[in-house]
N, C-alpha and C. Protein backbone atom coordinates (compact mmCIF):
# COMPACT_ATOMS: atom_id res chain seq x y z
N MET A 1 4.94 145.59 92.62
CA MET A 1 5.01 147.04 92.62
C MET A 1 6.45 147.46 92.91
N ALA A 2 6.95 148.41 92.15
CA ALA A 2 8.33 148.88 92.31
C ALA A 2 8.47 149.72 93.57
N LEU A 3 9.62 149.59 94.21
CA LEU A 3 9.93 150.39 95.39
C LEU A 3 10.10 151.85 94.97
N ASN A 4 9.52 152.74 95.73
CA ASN A 4 9.71 154.17 95.50
C ASN A 4 11.21 154.45 95.66
N PRO A 5 11.84 155.12 94.68
CA PRO A 5 13.28 155.35 94.77
C PRO A 5 13.67 156.18 95.99
N CYS A 6 12.75 156.95 96.52
CA CYS A 6 13.04 157.77 97.71
C CYS A 6 13.33 156.91 98.93
N GLN A 7 12.73 155.71 98.99
CA GLN A 7 12.89 154.84 100.15
C GLN A 7 14.27 154.19 100.23
N SER A 8 15.03 154.30 99.16
CA SER A 8 16.40 153.79 99.20
C SER A 8 17.39 154.90 98.91
N CYS A 9 16.99 156.14 99.16
CA CYS A 9 17.86 157.28 98.84
C CYS A 9 18.03 158.19 100.05
N GLY A 10 17.16 159.19 100.19
CA GLY A 10 17.25 160.15 101.30
C GLY A 10 18.25 161.27 101.08
N ALA A 11 18.87 161.32 99.90
CA ALA A 11 19.90 162.33 99.66
C ALA A 11 19.37 163.75 99.77
N CYS A 12 18.16 164.00 99.30
CA CYS A 12 17.62 165.36 99.37
C CYS A 12 17.47 165.81 100.82
N CYS A 13 17.16 164.88 101.71
CA CYS A 13 16.97 165.19 103.14
C CYS A 13 18.28 165.51 103.84
N ALA A 14 19.38 165.22 103.16
CA ALA A 14 20.70 165.48 103.73
C ALA A 14 21.53 166.38 102.82
N THR A 15 20.83 167.20 102.03
CA THR A 15 21.51 168.11 101.11
C THR A 15 20.98 169.53 101.20
N TYR A 16 19.67 169.68 101.23
CA TYR A 16 19.05 171.00 101.11
C TYR A 16 18.42 171.50 102.41
N ARG A 17 18.42 172.82 102.58
CA ARG A 17 17.68 173.41 103.69
C ARG A 17 16.20 173.34 103.34
N VAL A 18 15.40 172.86 104.27
CA VAL A 18 13.96 172.72 104.07
C VAL A 18 13.28 173.90 104.77
N THR A 19 13.01 174.94 104.00
CA THR A 19 12.44 176.18 104.53
C THR A 19 10.98 176.31 104.12
N PHE A 20 10.14 176.77 105.05
CA PHE A 20 8.71 176.88 104.78
C PHE A 20 8.10 177.93 105.71
N HIS A 21 6.88 178.32 105.41
CA HIS A 21 6.17 179.33 106.21
C HIS A 21 5.82 178.74 107.58
N ARG A 22 6.00 179.54 108.61
CA ARG A 22 5.73 179.08 109.98
C ARG A 22 4.27 178.67 110.19
N GLY A 23 3.37 179.09 109.33
CA GLY A 23 1.96 178.68 109.42
C GLY A 23 1.77 177.19 109.26
N GLU A 24 2.79 176.48 108.76
CA GLU A 24 2.72 175.02 108.63
C GLU A 24 3.02 174.30 109.94
N LEU A 25 3.49 175.02 110.96
CA LEU A 25 3.84 174.39 112.24
C LEU A 25 2.60 173.99 113.01
N ASP A 26 2.70 172.85 113.70
CA ASP A 26 1.53 172.35 114.44
C ASP A 26 1.08 173.28 115.55
N ASP A 27 1.99 174.03 116.14
CA ASP A 27 1.58 174.94 117.22
C ASP A 27 0.97 176.24 116.68
N LEU A 28 0.93 176.36 115.34
CA LEU A 28 0.30 177.53 114.72
C LEU A 28 -0.85 177.11 113.79
N GLY A 29 -1.35 175.90 113.98
CA GLY A 29 -2.49 175.42 113.20
C GLY A 29 -2.15 174.52 112.03
N GLY A 30 -0.87 174.33 111.75
CA GLY A 30 -0.46 173.44 110.67
C GLY A 30 -0.25 172.02 111.18
N CYS A 31 0.57 171.26 110.50
CA CYS A 31 0.78 169.87 110.91
C CYS A 31 2.25 169.49 111.13
N VAL A 32 3.20 170.34 110.75
CA VAL A 32 4.62 170.02 110.92
C VAL A 32 5.00 170.17 112.39
N PRO A 33 5.56 169.12 113.01
CA PRO A 33 5.93 169.21 114.42
C PRO A 33 6.94 170.33 114.69
N ALA A 34 6.53 171.33 115.43
CA ALA A 34 7.38 172.49 115.71
C ALA A 34 8.67 172.08 116.43
N ALA A 35 8.62 171.01 117.21
CA ALA A 35 9.79 170.56 117.95
C ALA A 35 10.93 170.13 117.03
N LEU A 36 10.63 169.84 115.77
CA LEU A 36 11.66 169.41 114.83
C LEU A 36 12.09 170.53 113.88
N THR A 37 11.77 171.77 114.25
CA THR A 37 12.09 172.90 113.38
C THR A 37 12.91 173.96 114.09
N GLU A 38 13.44 174.88 113.29
CA GLU A 38 14.16 176.05 113.80
C GLU A 38 13.56 177.27 113.13
N GLN A 39 13.50 178.37 113.85
CA GLN A 39 13.01 179.61 113.27
C GLN A 39 14.10 180.21 112.39
N VAL A 40 13.73 180.63 111.18
CA VAL A 40 14.66 181.26 110.25
C VAL A 40 14.46 182.77 110.27
N THR A 41 13.21 183.19 110.15
CA THR A 41 12.83 184.60 110.25
C THR A 41 11.53 184.66 111.04
N ALA A 42 10.95 185.83 111.16
CA ALA A 42 9.69 185.97 111.88
C ALA A 42 8.58 185.14 111.24
N VAL A 43 8.68 184.88 109.94
CA VAL A 43 7.60 184.16 109.25
C VAL A 43 8.04 182.84 108.63
N MET A 44 9.33 182.52 108.67
CA MET A 44 9.84 181.30 108.04
C MET A 44 10.51 180.39 109.07
N ALA A 45 10.40 179.09 108.82
CA ALA A 45 11.05 178.08 109.64
C ALA A 45 11.78 177.11 108.72
N CYS A 46 12.64 176.29 109.29
CA CYS A 46 13.26 175.21 108.52
C CYS A 46 13.30 173.97 109.41
N MET A 47 13.42 172.82 108.77
CA MET A 47 13.54 171.59 109.52
C MET A 47 14.87 171.59 110.26
N ARG A 48 14.85 171.21 111.53
CA ARG A 48 16.07 171.15 112.33
C ARG A 48 17.05 170.20 111.64
N GLY A 49 18.29 170.63 111.57
CA GLY A 49 19.33 169.84 110.92
C GLY A 49 19.60 170.24 109.48
N THR A 50 18.71 171.07 108.90
CA THR A 50 18.92 171.45 107.50
C THR A 50 19.42 172.89 107.36
N GLY A 51 19.59 173.59 108.46
CA GLY A 51 19.96 175.00 108.40
C GLY A 51 21.44 175.27 108.20
N ALA A 52 22.29 174.30 108.45
CA ALA A 52 23.74 174.50 108.32
C ALA A 52 24.41 173.15 108.06
N ALA A 53 25.59 173.21 107.47
CA ALA A 53 26.33 171.98 107.19
C ALA A 53 26.89 171.39 108.47
N PRO A 54 26.99 170.09 108.60
CA PRO A 54 26.50 169.11 107.65
C PRO A 54 24.98 168.98 107.73
N VAL A 55 24.34 168.95 106.58
CA VAL A 55 22.88 168.90 106.52
C VAL A 55 22.37 167.48 106.69
N ARG A 56 21.40 167.32 107.58
CA ARG A 56 20.65 166.07 107.72
C ARG A 56 19.39 166.41 108.49
N CYS A 57 18.26 166.26 107.86
CA CYS A 57 16.98 166.58 108.48
C CYS A 57 16.77 165.73 109.73
N ALA A 58 16.26 166.36 110.78
CA ALA A 58 16.01 165.66 112.04
C ALA A 58 14.97 164.56 111.89
N ALA A 59 14.14 164.63 110.86
CA ALA A 59 13.10 163.62 110.65
C ALA A 59 13.58 162.44 109.80
N LEU A 60 14.77 162.52 109.23
CA LEU A 60 15.29 161.44 108.39
C LEU A 60 15.76 160.28 109.25
N ARG A 61 15.29 159.09 108.92
CA ARG A 61 15.69 157.86 109.61
C ARG A 61 16.37 156.94 108.61
N GLY A 62 17.41 156.25 109.04
CA GLY A 62 18.06 155.27 108.20
C GLY A 62 19.36 155.75 107.60
N GLU A 63 19.87 154.94 106.67
CA GLU A 63 21.16 155.20 106.03
C GLU A 63 20.95 155.67 104.60
N ILE A 64 21.49 156.84 104.29
CA ILE A 64 21.35 157.43 102.96
C ILE A 64 21.88 156.46 101.91
N GLY A 65 21.09 156.28 100.86
CA GLY A 65 21.48 155.39 99.77
C GLY A 65 21.15 153.94 99.99
N ARG A 66 20.56 153.61 101.15
CA ARG A 66 20.24 152.21 101.44
C ARG A 66 18.78 152.04 101.81
N ASP A 67 18.40 152.48 102.98
CA ASP A 67 17.04 152.27 103.47
C ASP A 67 16.68 153.44 104.37
N VAL A 68 15.82 154.32 103.91
CA VAL A 68 15.49 155.52 104.66
C VAL A 68 13.98 155.72 104.75
N SER A 69 13.59 156.53 105.71
CA SER A 69 12.19 156.92 105.84
C SER A 69 12.13 158.26 106.54
N CYS A 70 10.96 158.87 106.47
CA CYS A 70 10.72 160.15 107.14
C CYS A 70 9.86 159.88 108.37
N ALA A 71 10.35 160.29 109.52
CA ALA A 71 9.62 160.06 110.77
C ALA A 71 8.31 160.85 110.83
N ILE A 72 8.18 161.88 110.00
CA ILE A 72 6.96 162.70 110.01
C ILE A 72 6.33 162.75 108.62
N TYR A 73 6.45 161.68 107.86
CA TYR A 73 6.02 161.68 106.46
C TYR A 73 4.62 162.27 106.27
N GLU A 74 3.66 161.87 107.06
CA GLU A 74 2.29 162.37 106.92
C GLU A 74 2.19 163.85 107.26
N PHE A 75 3.16 164.35 108.01
CA PHE A 75 3.12 165.74 108.49
C PHE A 75 4.28 166.57 107.95
N ARG A 76 4.93 166.10 106.89
CA ARG A 76 6.10 166.80 106.35
C ARG A 76 5.70 168.15 105.76
N PRO A 77 6.64 169.11 105.72
CA PRO A 77 6.34 170.45 105.20
C PRO A 77 6.19 170.47 103.68
N SER A 78 5.66 171.56 103.18
CA SER A 78 5.37 171.69 101.75
C SER A 78 6.58 171.48 100.83
N PRO A 79 7.79 171.96 101.16
CA PRO A 79 8.90 171.70 100.24
C PRO A 79 9.15 170.20 100.04
N CYS A 80 8.95 169.42 101.07
CA CYS A 80 9.13 167.97 100.97
C CYS A 80 8.01 167.35 100.14
N ARG A 81 6.81 167.84 100.31
CA ARG A 81 5.67 167.33 99.54
C ARG A 81 5.83 167.65 98.05
N GLU A 82 6.44 168.79 97.76
CA GLU A 82 6.56 169.26 96.38
C GLU A 82 7.81 168.75 95.67
N PHE A 83 8.80 168.28 96.42
CA PHE A 83 10.05 167.81 95.83
C PHE A 83 9.79 166.47 95.18
N GLY A 84 10.15 166.33 93.91
CA GLY A 84 9.88 165.08 93.21
C GLY A 84 11.14 164.37 92.80
N ALA A 85 11.19 163.08 93.08
CA ALA A 85 12.30 162.27 92.57
C ALA A 85 12.16 162.21 91.06
N LEU A 86 13.25 162.38 90.35
CA LEU A 86 13.21 162.43 88.89
C LEU A 86 12.50 161.22 88.30
N ALA A 87 12.85 160.03 88.71
CA ALA A 87 12.24 158.83 88.14
C ALA A 87 10.78 158.68 88.56
N ALA A 88 10.44 159.18 89.73
CA ALA A 88 9.07 159.03 90.22
C ALA A 88 8.09 159.88 89.42
N VAL A 89 8.51 161.05 89.00
CA VAL A 89 7.60 161.94 88.27
C VAL A 89 7.82 161.86 86.76
N GLY A 90 8.90 161.24 86.34
CA GLY A 90 9.15 161.07 84.92
C GLY A 90 9.57 162.33 84.20
N GLN A 91 9.88 163.33 84.94
CA GLN A 91 10.36 164.58 84.35
C GLN A 91 11.23 165.31 85.33
N GLY A 92 11.79 166.32 84.95
CA GLY A 92 12.77 167.22 85.40
C GLY A 92 13.06 167.70 86.76
N ASP A 93 12.96 167.05 87.86
CA ASP A 93 13.47 167.67 89.08
C ASP A 93 14.93 167.29 89.21
N GLU A 94 15.77 168.05 88.54
CA GLU A 94 17.20 167.75 88.53
C GLU A 94 17.82 167.93 89.91
N ALA A 95 17.15 168.63 90.82
CA ALA A 95 17.65 168.77 92.19
C ALA A 95 17.79 167.40 92.85
N CYS A 96 16.93 166.46 92.46
CA CYS A 96 17.02 165.09 92.98
C CYS A 96 18.37 164.49 92.61
N ASN A 97 18.71 164.53 91.33
CA ASN A 97 19.99 163.95 90.90
C ASN A 97 21.18 164.73 91.43
N ASP A 98 21.04 166.03 91.61
CA ASP A 98 22.11 166.82 92.21
C ASP A 98 22.39 166.33 93.64
N ALA A 99 21.33 166.12 94.41
CA ALA A 99 21.50 165.62 95.78
C ALA A 99 22.12 164.23 95.77
N ARG A 100 21.68 163.38 94.85
CA ARG A 100 22.24 162.03 94.76
C ARG A 100 23.74 162.10 94.44
N ARG A 101 24.12 162.95 93.50
CA ARG A 101 25.54 163.09 93.14
C ARG A 101 26.37 163.50 94.36
N ARG A 102 25.85 164.42 95.14
CA ARG A 102 26.58 164.91 96.32
C ARG A 102 26.82 163.81 97.35
N HIS A 103 26.03 162.75 97.29
CA HIS A 103 26.18 161.64 98.23
C HIS A 103 26.76 160.40 97.56
N GLY A 104 27.29 160.57 96.35
CA GLY A 104 27.94 159.47 95.65
C GLY A 104 26.99 158.43 95.10
N LEU A 105 25.74 158.81 94.89
CA LEU A 105 24.74 157.88 94.35
C LEU A 105 24.56 158.13 92.86
N PRO A 106 24.26 157.09 92.09
CA PRO A 106 24.06 157.27 90.65
C PRO A 106 22.78 158.05 90.38
N PRO A 107 22.72 158.74 89.25
CA PRO A 107 21.50 159.50 88.91
C PRO A 107 20.34 158.56 88.62
N LEU A 108 19.14 159.05 88.85
CA LEU A 108 17.93 158.32 88.47
C LEU A 108 17.60 158.71 87.03
N GLU A 109 17.04 157.78 86.31
CA GLU A 109 16.60 158.04 84.94
C GLU A 109 15.10 158.28 84.94
N ALA A 110 14.65 159.25 84.16
CA ALA A 110 13.21 159.51 84.03
C ALA A 110 12.55 158.29 83.41
N THR A 111 11.38 157.93 83.92
CA THR A 111 10.67 156.75 83.40
C THR A 111 9.65 157.15 82.37
């Protein structure tokens, strides 16, 4: 079985602000650990570390481009669940390759 390209990348976790509705927080009935987030507005939150440069999500573990994982993978917010690696979905999430370029990684090819 091929390794998921996300497990050797992590560029998206260190490029984009991860913003989501506060209803996803565990202290409000959701599953995202509130301790790893920052309030953006009265109704929106973001993952700690993604709100300002240099961006690196507080839940990201490992070295970008080598071996990474998400410390809260089972409890990650909706933007992370919906973000698709280009090669993993076989179609167009060019944001994946944009993040890879920003970290000096080669683009993924759609499978």
